[in-house]
C-alpha atoms as a PDB file:
ATOM      1  CA  MET A   1     -15.817 -22.510 -41.618  1.00  0.00           C
ATOM      2  CA  THR A   2     -19.094 -20.593 -41.630  1.00  0.00           C
ATOM      3  CA  ASP A   3     -21.018 -23.767 -40.833  1.00  0.00           C
ATOM      4  CA  GLN A   4     -18.702 -24.498 -37.910  1.00  0.00           C
ATOM      5  CA  LEU A   5     -19.143 -21.016 -36.526  1.00  0.00           C
ATOM      6  CA  PHE A   6     -22.927 -21.339 -36.824  1.00  0.00           C
ATOM      7  CA  GLU A   7     -22.842 -24.751 -35.156  1.00  0.00           C
ATOM      8  CA  HIS A   8     -20.829 -23.369 -32.227  1.00  0.00           C
ATOM      9  CA  ARG A   9     -22.323 -19.920 -32.210  1.00  0.00           C
ATOM     10  CA  TYR A  10     -23.422 -20.210 -28.558  1.00  0.00           C
ATOM     11  CA  THR A  11     -19.907 -21.072 -27.458  1.00  0.00           C
ATOM     12  CA  ALA A  12     -18.474 -18.249 -29.557  1.00  0.00           C
ATOM     13  CA  GLY A  13     -21.046 -15.849 -28.146  1.00  0.00           C
ATOM     14  CA  ILE A  14     -20.184 -16.782 -24.546  1.00  0.00           C
ATOM     15  CA  ILE A  15     -16.433 -16.414 -25.201  1.00  0.00           C
ATOM     16  CA  VAL A  16     -16.776 -13.047 -26.888  1.00  0.00           C
ATOM     17  CA  GLY A  17     -19.185 -11.852 -24.211  1.00  0.00           C
ATOM     18  CA  VAL A  18     -16.912 -12.846 -21.351  1.00  0.00           C
ATOM     19  CA  VAL A  19     -13.853 -11.307 -23.019  1.00  0.00           C
ATOM     20  CA  PHE A  20     -15.540  -7.962 -23.645  1.00  0.00           C
ATOM     21  CA  GLY A  21     -17.161  -8.016 -20.215  1.00  0.00           C
ATOM     22  CA  MET A  22     -13.756  -8.481 -18.616  1.00  0.00           C
ATOM     23  CA  LEU A  23     -12.243  -5.752 -20.795  1.00  0.00           C
ATOM     24  CA  ALA A  24     -15.037  -3.438 -19.642  1.00  0.00           C
ATOM     25  CA  ARG A  25     -14.306  -4.216 -15.980  1.00  0.00           C
ATOM     26  CA  LEU A  26     -10.555  -3.756 -16.413  1.00  0.00           C
ATOM     27  CA  THR A  27     -11.037  -0.364 -18.089  1.00  0.00           C
ATOM     28  CA  MET A  28     -13.279   0.742 -15.234  1.00  0.00           C
ATOM     29  CA  LEU A  29     -10.954  -0.571 -12.488  1.00  0.00           C
ATOM     30  CA  ARG A  30      -8.361   2.015 -11.538  1.00  0.00           C
ATOM     31  CA  THR A  31      -6.317   2.486  -8.408  1.00  0.00           C
ATOM     32  CA  ASP A  32      -5.865   6.253  -8.198  1.00  0.00           C
ATOM     33  CA  TYR A  33      -4.906   8.793  -5.493  1.00  0.00           C
ATOM     34  CA  ARG A  34      -7.676   7.439  -3.235  1.00  0.00           C
ATOM     35  CA  GLN A  35      -5.862   4.081  -3.190  1.00  0.00           C
ATOM     36  CA  TYR A  36      -9.052   2.109  -3.264  1.00  0.00           C
ATOM     37  CA  PRO A  37      -9.340  -0.686  -4.194  1.00  0.00           C
ATOM     38  CA  THR A  38      -6.053  -1.456  -2.572  1.00  0.00           C
ATOM     39  CA  TYR A  39      -3.318  -3.072  -4.603  1.00  0.00           C
ATOM     40  CA  PRO A  40      -3.207  -6.000  -5.225  1.00  0.00           C
ATOM     41  CA  HIS A  41      -5.794  -7.842  -3.128  1.00  0.00           C
ATOM     42  CA  GLY A  42      -8.637  -5.412  -3.578  1.00  0.00           C
ATOM     43  CA  ARG A  43      -8.102  -5.543  -7.328  1.00  0.00           C
ATOM     44  CA  ILE A  44      -8.158  -9.357  -7.296  1.00  0.00           C
ATOM     45  CA  ILE A  45     -11.548  -9.311  -5.538  1.00  0.00           C
ATOM     46  CA  HIS A  46     -13.091  -6.883  -8.054  1.00  0.00           C
ATOM     47  CA  ILE A  47     -11.575  -8.611 -11.088  1.00  0.00           C
ATOM     48  CA  SER A  48     -13.023 -11.910  -9.846  1.00  0.00           C
ATOM     49  CA  LEU A  49     -16.442 -10.316  -9.466  1.00  0.00           C
ATOM     50  CA  GLY A  50     -16.035  -8.913 -12.945  1.00  0.00           C
ATOM     51  CA  VAL A  51     -15.461 -12.404 -14.348  1.00  0.00           C
ATOM     52  CA  ILE A  52     -18.656 -13.597 -12.637  1.00  0.00           C
ATOM     53  CA  ALA A  53     -20.634 -10.614 -13.961  1.00  0.00           C
ATOM     54  CA  ALA A  54     -19.274 -11.116 -17.487  1.00  0.00           C
ATOM     55  CA  ALA A  55     -20.154 -14.812 -17.440  1.00  0.00           C
ATOM     56  CA  LEU A  56     -23.699 -14.056 -16.256  1.00  0.00           C
ATOM     57  CA  GLY A  57     -24.244 -11.557 -19.021  1.00  0.00           C
ATOM     58  CA  ALA A  58     -22.802 -13.791 -21.715  1.00  0.00           C
ATOM     59  CA  VAL A  59     -24.660 -16.969 -20.683  1.00  0.00           C
ATOM     60  CA  ALA A  60     -27.990 -15.125 -20.489  1.00  0.00           C
ATOM     61  CA  VAL A  61     -28.191 -14.790 -24.286  1.00  0.00           C
ATOM     62  CA  PRO A  62     -28.078 -18.538 -25.176  1.00  0.00           C
ATOM     63  CA  SER A  63     -30.631 -19.155 -22.450  1.00  0.00           C
ATOM     64  CA  LEU A  64     -32.989 -16.689 -24.110  1.00  0.00           C
ATOM     65  CA  PHE A  65     -32.463 -18.173 -27.549  1.00  0.00           C
ATOM     66  CA  ASP A  66     -33.194 -21.661 -26.203  1.00  0.00           C
ATOM     67  CA  LYS A  67     -36.315 -20.227 -24.471  1.00  0.00           C
ATOM     68  CA  ASN A  68     -34.934 -21.419 -21.159  1.00  0.00           C
ATOM     69  CA  TYR A  69     -36.508 -18.549 -19.301  1.00  0.00           C
ATOM     70  CA  THR A  70     -36.100 -20.231 -15.954  1.00  0.00           C
ATOM     71  CA  ALA A  71     -32.327 -19.934 -16.292  1.00  0.00           C
ATOM     72  CA  ILE A  72     -32.649 -16.145 -16.472  1.00  0.00           C
ATOM     73  CA  THR A  73     -33.778 -16.069 -12.852  1.00  0.00           C
ATOM     74  CA  PHE A  74     -30.142 -16.508 -11.804  1.00  0.00           C
ATOM     75  CA  LEU A  75     -29.714 -12.829 -12.750  1.00  0.00           C
ATOM     76  CA  THR A  76     -31.783 -11.968  -9.669  1.00  0.00           C
ATOM     77  CA  VAL A  77     -29.342 -13.941  -7.568  1.00  0.00           C
ATOM     78  CA  ALA A  78     -26.531 -11.951  -9.173  1.00  0.00           C
ATOM     79  CA  ALA A  79     -28.277  -8.687  -8.361  1.00  0.00           C
ATOM     80  CA  GLN A  80     -28.469  -9.723  -4.715  1.00  0.00           C
ATOM     81  CA  GLN A  81     -24.794 -10.701  -4.782  1.00  0.00           C
ATOM     82  CA  PHE A  82     -23.767  -7.304  -6.142  1.00  0.00           C
ATOM     83  CA  ARG A  83     -25.901  -5.560  -3.506  1.00  0.00           C
ATOM     84  CA  ASP A  84     -23.890  -7.534  -0.934  1.00  0.00           C
ATOM     85  CA  VAL A  85     -20.718  -6.238  -2.618  1.00  0.00           C
ATOM     86  CA  ARG A  86     -22.027  -2.727  -2.095  1.00  0.00           C
ATOM     87  CA  ASN A  87     -22.613  -3.450   1.585  1.00  0.00           C
ATOM     88  CA  MET A  88     -19.143  -4.944   1.867  1.00  0.00           C
ATOM     89  CA  GLU A  89     -17.552  -1.841   0.354  1.00  0.00           C
ATOM     90  CA  ARG A  90     -19.574   0.443   2.624  1.00  0.00           C
ATOM     91  CA  ASN A  91     -18.593  -1.469   5.764  1.00  0.00           C
ATOM     92  CA  THR A  92     -14.917  -1.692   4.802  1.00  0.00           C
ATOM     93  CA  LEU A  93     -14.607   1.978   3.941  1.00  0.00           C
ATOM     94  CA  THR A  94     -16.475   2.996   7.074  1.00  0.00           C
ATOM     95  CA  LYS A  95     -13.975   1.112   9.202  1.00  0.00           C
ATOM     96  CA  LEU A  96     -11.022   2.583   7.300  1.00  0.00           C
ATOM     97  CA  ASP A  97     -12.504   6.079   7.621  1.00  0.00           C
ATOM     98  CA  GLU A  98     -12.174   5.962  11.373  1.00  0.00           C
ATOM     99  CA  MET A  99      -8.381   6.074  11.017  1.00  0.00           C
ATOM    100  CA  GLU A 100      -8.277   9.066   8.611  1.00  0.00           C
ATOM    101  CA  LEU A 101      -7.078  12.463   9.811  1.00  0.00           C
ATOM    102  CA  VAL A 102      -9.565  13.957   7.335  1.00  0.00           C
ATOM    103  CA  PRO A 103     -12.280  11.347   6.810  1.00  0.00           C
ATOM    104  CA  ARG A 104     -14.180  10.783   3.605  1.00  0.00           C
ATOM    105  CA  GLY A 105     -17.536  11.020   5.289  1.00  0.00           C
ATOM    106  CA  GLY A 106     -20.583   8.804   4.916  1.00  0.00           C
ATOM    107  CA  THR A 107     -21.851  10.458   1.712  1.00  0.00           C
ATOM    108  CA  TYR A 108     -18.578   9.900  -0.133  1.00  0.00           C
ATOM    109  CA  ILE A 109     -18.391   6.302   1.090  1.00  0.00           C
ATOM    110  CA  GLU A 110     -21.952   5.556  -0.060  1.00  0.00           C
ATOM    111  CA  GLY A 111     -21.078   7.018  -3.477  1.00  0.00           C
ATOM    112  CA  ILE A 112     -18.030   4.756  -3.809  1.00  0.00           C
ATOM    113  CA  ALA A 113     -20.045   1.688  -2.758  1.00  0.00           C
ATOM    114  CA  MET A 114     -22.762   2.556  -5.271  1.00  0.00           C
ATOM    115  CA  VAL A 115     -20.171   2.864  -8.037  1.00  0.00           C
ATOM    116  CA  PHE A 116     -18.784  -0.617  -7.412  1.00  0.00           C
ATOM    117  CA  GLU A 117     -22.248  -2.143  -7.596  1.00  0.00           C
ATOM    118  CA  GLY A 118     -23.210  -0.180 -10.707  1.00  0.00           C
ATOM    119  CA  ARG A 119     -20.066  -1.103 -12.598  1.00  0.00           C
ATOM    120  CA  ASN A 120     -20.822  -4.791 -12.271  1.00  0.00           C
ATOM    121  CA  TYR A 121     -24.143  -4.142 -14.007  1.00  0.00           C
ATOM    122  CA  LEU A 122     -22.260  -2.340 -16.784  1.00  0.00           C
ATOM    123  CA  VAL A 123     -20.085  -5.464 -17.173  1.00  0.00           C
ATOM    124  CA  ILE A 124     -23.255  -7.580 -17.533  1.00  0.00           C
ATOM    125  CA  PHE A 125     -24.556  -5.173 -20.168  1.00  0.00           C
ATOM    126  CA  THR A 126     -21.299  -5.286 -22.140  1.00  0.00           C
ATOM    127  CA  ALA A 127     -21.056  -9.082 -21.993  1.00  0.00           C
ATOM    128  CA  PHE A 128     -24.728  -9.431 -22.975  1.00  0.00           C
ATOM    129  CA  THR A 129     -24.235  -7.135 -25.976  1.00  0.00           C
ATOM    130  CA  GLY A 130     -21.122  -8.898 -27.235  1.00  0.00           C
ATOM    131  CA  SER A 131     -22.686 -12.329 -26.825  1.00  0.00           C
ATOM    132  CA  LEU A 132     -25.957 -11.298 -28.491  1.00  0.00           C
ATOM    133  CA  PHE A 133     -24.457  -9.905 -31.675  1.00  0.00           C
ATOM    134  CA  THR A 134     -21.919 -12.700 -31.923  1.00  0.00           C
ATOM    135  CA  ILE A 135     -24.736 -15.253 -31.933  1.00  0.00           C
ATOM    136  CA  LEU A 136     -26.801 -13.258 -34.391  1.00  0.00           C
ATOM    137  CA  TRP A 137     -24.187 -12.097 -36.898  1.00  0.00           C
ATOM    138  CA  GLY A 138     -20.843 -13.636 -35.976  1.00  0.00           C
ATOM    139  CA  PRO A 139     -17.730 -12.782 -33.965  1.00  0.00           C
ATOM    140  CA  TYR A 140     -16.844  -9.711 -36.040  1.00  0.00           C
ATOM    141  CA  TRP A 141     -20.071  -7.885 -35.310  1.00  0.00           C
ATOM    142  CA  GLY A 142     -20.025  -9.173 -31.773  1.00  0.00           C
ATOM    143  CA  SER A 143     -16.606  -7.496 -31.345  1.00  0.00           C
ATOM    144  CA  VAL A 144     -17.845  -4.281 -32.951  1.00  0.00           C
ATOM    145  CA  PHE A 145     -20.881  -4.010 -30.683  1.00  0.00           C
ATOM    146  CA  GLY A 146     -18.856  -5.211 -27.682  1.00  0.00           C
ATOM    147  CA  THR A 147     -16.439  -2.339 -28.245  1.00  0.00           C
ATOM    148  CA  ALA A 148     -19.354   0.062 -28.564  1.00  0.00           C
ATOM    149  CA  ALA A 149     -20.762  -1.251 -25.257  1.00  0.00           C
ATOM    150  CA  ILE A 150     -17.369  -0.650 -23.559  1.00  0.00           C
ATOM    151  CA  LEU A 151     -17.428   2.952 -24.814  1.00  0.00           C
ATOM    152  CA  ILE A 152     -20.977   3.376 -23.481  1.00  0.00           C
ATOM    153  CA  SER A 153     -19.872   1.938 -20.134  1.00  0.00           C
ATOM    154  CA  GLN A 154     -16.971   4.398 -20.047  1.00  0.00           C
ATOM    155  CA  TRP A 155     -19.425   7.248 -20.560  1.00  0.00           C
ATOM    156  CA  PHE A 156     -21.737   6.048 -17.780  1.00  0.00           C
ATOM    157  CA  LYS A 157     -18.909   5.389 -15.311  1.00  0.00           C
ATOM    158  CA  SER A 158     -17.800   9.008 -15.130  1.00  0.00           C
ATOM    159  CA  GLY A 159     -20.019  11.454 -13.350  1.00  0.00           C
ATOM    160  CA  LYS A 160     -19.781  15.185 -12.887  1.00  0.00           C
ATOM    161  CA  SER A 161     -17.111  16.969 -10.881  1.00  0.00           C
ATOM    162  CA  VAL A 162     -17.029  20.179  -8.869  1.00  0.00           C
ATOM    163  CA  SER A 163     -15.939  22.038 -11.990  1.00  0.00           C
ATOM    164  CA  HIS A 164     -19.460  21.506 -13.390  1.00  0.00           C
ATOM    165  CA  ALA A 165     -21.017  23.008 -10.295  1.00  0.00           C
ATOM    166  CA  ALA A 166     -18.885  25.938  -9.228  1.00  0.00           C
ATOM    167  CA  GLU A 167     -16.091  28.299 -10.023  1.00  0.00           C
ATOM    168  CA  VAL A 168     -13.124  28.062  -7.674  1.00  0.00           C
ATOM    169  CA  GLU A 169     -10.923  30.967  -6.721  1.00  0.00           C
ATOM    170  CA  ILE A 170      -7.990  31.288  -4.347  1.00  0.00           C
ATOM    171  CA  ALA A 171      -8.717  33.475  -1.326  1.00  0.00           C
ATOM    172  CA  ASP A 172      -6.648  35.019   1.449  1.00  0.00           C
ATOM    173  CA  VAL A 173      -6.738  33.501   4.932  1.00  0.00           C
ATOM    174  CA  ILE A 174      -7.189  36.427   7.332  1.00  0.00           C
ATOM    175  CA  LEU A 175      -6.819  36.476  11.097  1.00  0.00           C
ATOM    176  CA  GLU A 176      -8.417  39.386  12.908  1.00  0.00           C
ATOM    177  CA  GLY A 177      -7.475  38.710  16.472  1.00  0.00           C
ATOM    178  CA  PRO A 178      -8.820  35.228  17.214  1.00  0.00           C
ATOM    179  CA  ASP A 179     -11.330  35.328  14.317  1.00  0.00           C
ATOM    180  CA  LEU A 180     -10.411  33.373  11.192  1.00  0.00           C
ATOM    181  CA  TYR A 181     -11.751  34.350   7.765  1.00  0.00           C
ATOM    182  CA  VAL A 182     -11.322  32.990   4.258  1.00  0.00           C
ATOM    183  CA  GLY A 183     -11.855  36.065   2.085  1.00  0.00           C
ATOM    184  CA  ASP A 184     -14.860  37.724   3.700  1.00  0.00           C
ATOM    185  CA  ILE A 185     -16.384  34.479   5.032  1.00  0.00           C
ATOM    186  CA  TYR A 186     -16.076  33.721   8.756  1.00  0.00           C
ATOM    187  CA  ILE A 187     -14.677  30.287   9.547  1.00  0.00           C
ATOM    188  CA  MET A 188     -14.054  29.986  13.279  1.00  0.00           C
ATOM    189  CA  ASN A 189     -12.463  31.388  16.429  1.00  0.00           C
ATOM    190  CA  VAL A 190      -8.853  30.348  17.070  1.00  0.00           C
ATOM    191  CA  GLY A 191      -7.980  30.805  20.704  1.00  0.00           C
ATOM    192  CA  LEU A 192      -4.335  29.694  20.965  1.00  0.00           C
ATOM    193  CA  SER A 193      -1.629  31.965  19.633  1.00  0.00           C
ATOM    194  CA  ALA A 194       0.485  28.901  18.658  1.00  0.00           C
ATOM    195  CA  ASP A 195      -2.366  27.686  16.448  1.00  0.00           C
ATOM    196  CA  ARG A 196      -2.709  31.146  14.892  1.00  0.00           C
ATOM    197  CA  ASP A 197       1.008  31.098  14.070  1.00  0.00           C
ATOM    198  CA  ILE A 198       0.641  27.741  12.325  1.00  0.00           C
ATOM    199  CA  ILE A 199      -2.351  28.997  10.361  1.00  0.00           C
ATOM    200  CA  ARG A 200      -0.464  32.102   9.214  1.00  0.00           C
ATOM    201  CA  GLU A 201       2.392  29.923   7.943  1.00  0.00           C
ATOM    202  CA  HIS A 202       0.559  26.991   6.378  1.00  0.00           C
ATOM    203  CA  ALA A 203      -3.079  27.837   5.682  1.00  0.00           C
ATOM    204  CA  LEU A 204      -4.741  28.041   2.259  1.00  0.00           C
ATOM    205  CA  GLY A 205      -8.147  29.426   1.452  1.00  0.00           C
ATOM    206  CA  LEU A 206     -10.444  28.619  -1.456  1.00  0.00           C
ATOM    207  CA  ILE A 207     -13.871  29.964  -2.316  1.00  0.00           C
ATOM    208  CA  LEU A 208     -16.420  28.189  -4.499  1.00  0.00           C
ATOM    209  CA  LYS A 209     -19.079  30.191  -6.324  1.00  0.00           C
ATOM    210  CA  PRO A 210     -22.043  27.989  -7.373  1.00  0.00           C
ATOM    211  CA  LYS A 211     -23.026  28.352 -11.025  1.00  0.00           C
ATOM    212  CA  ASN A 212     -26.768  28.155 -10.371  1.00  0.00           C
ATOM    213  CA  ARG A 213     -29.292  27.682  -7.567  1.00  0.00           C
ATOM    214  CA  ASN A 214     -29.256  23.876  -7.900  1.00  0.00           C
ATOM    215  CA  PHE A 215     -25.504  23.708  -7.343  1.00  0.00           C
ATOM    216  CA  ARG A 216     -25.846  26.113  -4.475  1.00  0.00           C
ATOM    217  CA  VAL A 217     -27.817  23.466  -2.637  1.00  0.00           C
ATOM    218  CA  SER A 218     -25.277  20.789  -3.606  1.00  0.00           C
ATOM    219  CA  LEU A 219     -22.374  22.772  -2.156  1.00  0.00           C
ATOM    220  CA  ALA A 220     -24.312  23.268   1.053  1.00  0.00           C
ATOM    221  CA  ASN A 221     -24.406  19.493   1.508  1.00  0.00           C
ATOM    222  CA  LEU A 222     -22.127  18.480   4.364  1.00  0.00           C
ATOM    223  CA  GLY A 223     -21.114  15.251   2.631  1.00  0.00           C
ATOM    224  CA  GLN A 224     -20.017  17.110  -0.477  1.00  0.00           C
ATOM    225  CA  ARG A 225     -17.947  19.522   1.614  1.00  0.00           C
ATOM    226  CA  GLN A 226     -16.285  16.659   3.467  1.00  0.00           C
ATOM    227  CA  ALA A 227     -15.432  14.950   0.158  1.00  0.00           C
ATOM    228  CA  MET A 228     -13.668  18.122  -1.011  1.00  0.00           C
ATOM    229  CA  LEU A 229     -11.683  18.422   2.197  1.00  0.00           C
ATOM    230  CA  HIS A 230     -10.725  14.739   2.116  1.00  0.00           C
ATOM    231  CA  ASP A 231      -9.463  14.857  -1.474  1.00  0.00           C
ATOM    232  CA  LEU A 232      -7.458  18.038  -0.767  1.00  0.00           C
ATOM    233  CA  ALA A 233      -5.904  16.384   2.300  1.00  0.00           C
ATOM    234  CA  THR A 234      -5.184  13.164   0.427  1.00  0.00           C
ATOM    235  CA  ILE A 235      -3.335  14.817  -2.444  1.00  0.00           C
ATOM    236  CA  LEU A 236      -1.698  17.796  -0.729  1.00  0.00           C
ATOM    237  CA  GLY A 237      -1.290  16.304   2.727  1.00  0.00           C
ATOM    238  CA  VAL A 238      -2.577  17.851   5.938  1.00  0.00           C
ATOM    239  CA  TYR A 239      -0.546  19.773   8.513  1.00  0.00           C
ATOM    240  CA  ARG A 240      -1.995  18.327  11.684  1.00  0.00           C
ATOM    241  CA  ASP A 241      -1.942  15.323  13.970  1.00  0.00           C
ATOM    242  CA  SER A 242      -4.635  13.699  16.003  1.00  0.00           C
ATOM    243  CA  GLY A 243      -5.917  15.678  18.950  1.00  0.00           C
ATOM    244  CA  GLU A 244      -5.634  19.100  17.266  1.00  0.00           C
ATOM    245  CA  PRO A 245      -9.215  20.207  16.623  1.00  0.00           C
ATOM    246  CA  THR A 246      -8.271  23.775  15.744  1.00  0.00           C
ATOM    247  CA  LEU A 247      -6.241  22.613  12.749  1.00  0.00           C
ATOM    248  CA  VAL A 248      -8.998  20.491  11.198  1.00  0.00           C
ATOM    249  CA  PRO A 249      -9.858  21.636   7.632  1.00  0.00           C
ATOM    250  CA  LEU A 250     -13.286  23.277   7.478  1.00  0.00           C
ATOM    251  CA  GLY A 251     -15.847  24.491   5.010  1.00  0.00           C
ATOM    252  CA  LYS A 252     -18.290  27.325   5.783  1.00  0.00           C
ATOM    253  CA  LEU A 253     -21.079  28.875   3.741  1.00  0.00           C
ATOM    254  CA  ASP A 254     -21.838  32.490   3.116  1.00  0.00           C
ATOM    255  CA  MET A 255     -25.557  32.352   3.865  1.00  0.00           C
ATOM    256  CA  ASN A 256     -26.298  35.410   1.707  1.00  0.00           C
ATOM    257  CA  ASP A 257     -25.075  34.213  -1.654  1.00  0.00           C
ATOM    258  CA  GLY A 258     -24.300  30.488  -1.202  1.00  0.00           C
ATOM    259  CA  ARG A 259     -20.559  30.756  -1.668  1.00  0.00           C
ATOM    260  CA  LEU A 260     -18.513  28.065   0.113  1.00  0.00           C
ATOM    261  CA  ALA A 261     -15.196  28.879   1.764  1.00  0.00           C
ATOM    262  CA  LEU A 262     -12.729  26.096   2.425  1.00  0.00           C
ATOM    263  CA  PHE A 263      -9.948  26.431   5.006  1.00  0.00           C
ATOM    264  CA  VAL A 264      -7.134  23.842   4.668  1.00  0.00           C
ATOM    265  CA  LEU A 265      -3.663  23.313   6.076  1.00  0.00           C
ATOM    266  CA  PRO A 266      -1.794  21.334   3.434  1.00  0.00           C
ATOM    267  CA  GLN A 267       1.702  20.051   3.773  1.00  0.00           C
ATOM    268  CA  GLU A 268       2.307  21.063   0.150  1.00  0.00           C
ATOM    269  CA  ARG A 269       1.276  24.735   0.128  1.00  0.00           C
ATOM    270  CA  ASP A 270       0.522  25.185  -3.575  1.00  0.00           C
ATOM    271  CA  ALA A 271      -2.611  27.279  -4.055  1.00  0.00           C
ATOM    272  CA  GLU A 272      -3.030  26.654  -7.780  1.00  0.00           C
ATOM    273  CA  LYS A 273      -2.586  22.918  -7.364  1.00  0.00           C
ATOM    274  CA  ALA A 274      -5.174  22.954  -4.597  1.00  0.00           C
ATOM    275  CA  ARG A 275      -7.564  24.771  -6.936  1.00  0.00           C
ATOM    276  CA  GLN A 276      -7.074  22.170  -9.654  1.00  0.00           C
ATOM    277  CA  VAL A 277      -7.585  19.325  -7.180  1.00  0.00           C
ATOM    278  CA  LEU A 278     -10.814  20.890  -6.009  1.00  0.00           C
ATOM    279  CA  LEU A 279     -12.152  21.270  -9.537  1.00  0.00           C
ATOM    280  CA  ARG A 280     -11.690  17.517 -10.050  1.00  0.00           C
ATOM    281  CA  VAL A 281     -13.447  16.350  -6.871  1.00  0.00           C
ATOM    282  CA  PRO A 282     -16.461  14.184  -7.784  1.00  0.00           C
ATOM    283  CA  LEU A 283     -19.884  15.784  -7.470  1.00  0.00           C
ATOM    284  CA  LEU A 284     -21.600  13.203  -5.273  1.00  0.00           C
ATOM    285  CA  GLU A 285     -24.895  11.841  -6.594  1.00  0.00           C
ATOM    286  CA  SER A 286     -26.537  11.991  -3.196  1.00  0.00           C
ATOM    287  CA  ALA A 287     -25.583  15.680  -2.860  1.00  0.00           C
ATOM    288  CA  VAL A 288     -27.314  16.708  -6.121  1.00  0.00           C
ATOM    289  CA  ARG A 289     -30.570  18.592  -5.675  1.00  0.00           C
ATOM    290  CA  MET A 290     -32.853  20.187  -8.248  1.00  0.00           C
ATOM    291  CA  PRO A 291     -34.987  22.805  -6.454  1.00  0.00           C
ATOM    292  CA  SER A 292     -35.507  24.632  -9.755  1.00  0.00           C
ATOM    293  CA  GLU A 293     -37.385  21.582 -11.124  1.00  0.00           C
ATOM    294  CA  SER A 294     -39.863  21.380  -8.261  1.00  0.00           C
ATOM    295  CA  GLY A 295     -43.599  21.754  -8.875  1.00  0.00           C
ATOM    296  CA  ALA A 296     -43.706  24.734  -6.550  1.00  0.00           C
ATOM    297  CA  GLN A 297     -41.205  26.601  -8.689  1.00  0.00           C
ATOM    298  CA  ALA A 298     -43.072  25.759 -11.866  1.00  0.00           C
ATOM    299  CA  LYS A 299     -46.333  26.953 -10.377  1.00  0.00           C
ATOM    300  CA  LYS A 300     -44.711  30.172  -9.239  1.00  0.00           C
ATOM    301  CA  GLY A 301     -43.238  30.784 -12.671  1.00  0.00           C
ATOM    302  CA  GLY A 302     -46.584  30.180 -14.373  1.00  0.00           C
ATOM    303  CA  ALA A 303     -48.532  32.441 -12.027  1.00  0.00           C
END
């Protein structure tokens, strides 16, 4: 039995690698409240790409053992293919965003597209790991390290959320004549009395307090603000129709201390639920800034 496994170790390695690569992709593929990828056709596309990525990662190991280094160049073709997937996701979501009452925004879309590309590379890593250790030490150890690779992929797939960046508190929505405030932060001027009546009945206010100066810059990012408003509107609904600019959810900064006020008009007026939704909004990678790590700050601190 051992001799047979050794004789067919490459085949066993490829099988184990593909299986664990596919398991990794399935665990990372989830249709949640954002409803993307759509069910079922979007899932079929991404599962198919996961099979390709798993096969590439699994087959790479026997090629290395046989010193067939030329065969490894197909990984560069795969990288180009997955970049095309990223472009496809970006273009699709941009078109869909035009029909949203509260759009995702370009920053959120770019983050989603980046995630889909990156997860295919995690599938390649998982398949490569499972295949490598199966060929070296047998299917048992290949399964052990394949499982470990899936756990590592799960850790890498999840980024930070708004809860890491800010504290969220519920605030009163105040109308002083035509001027609209969330807490003490000015939002906009509401001219029509009918719109003011709707705001009094349906509006919710939330204020985010950044935990440090780096997150203060992140909350100031327009793309991050739009992502928050989109997720709130997706989960709680939005009390508006097209052609009603006064009722569009908005986010405004307090320029003195960096607090961010959000004004929303949800169909489900549950302030605590809105707060919990906001805490779970992804912190977009492209919105993260580290001004405290700049050379100018270090020089100032050392002076």
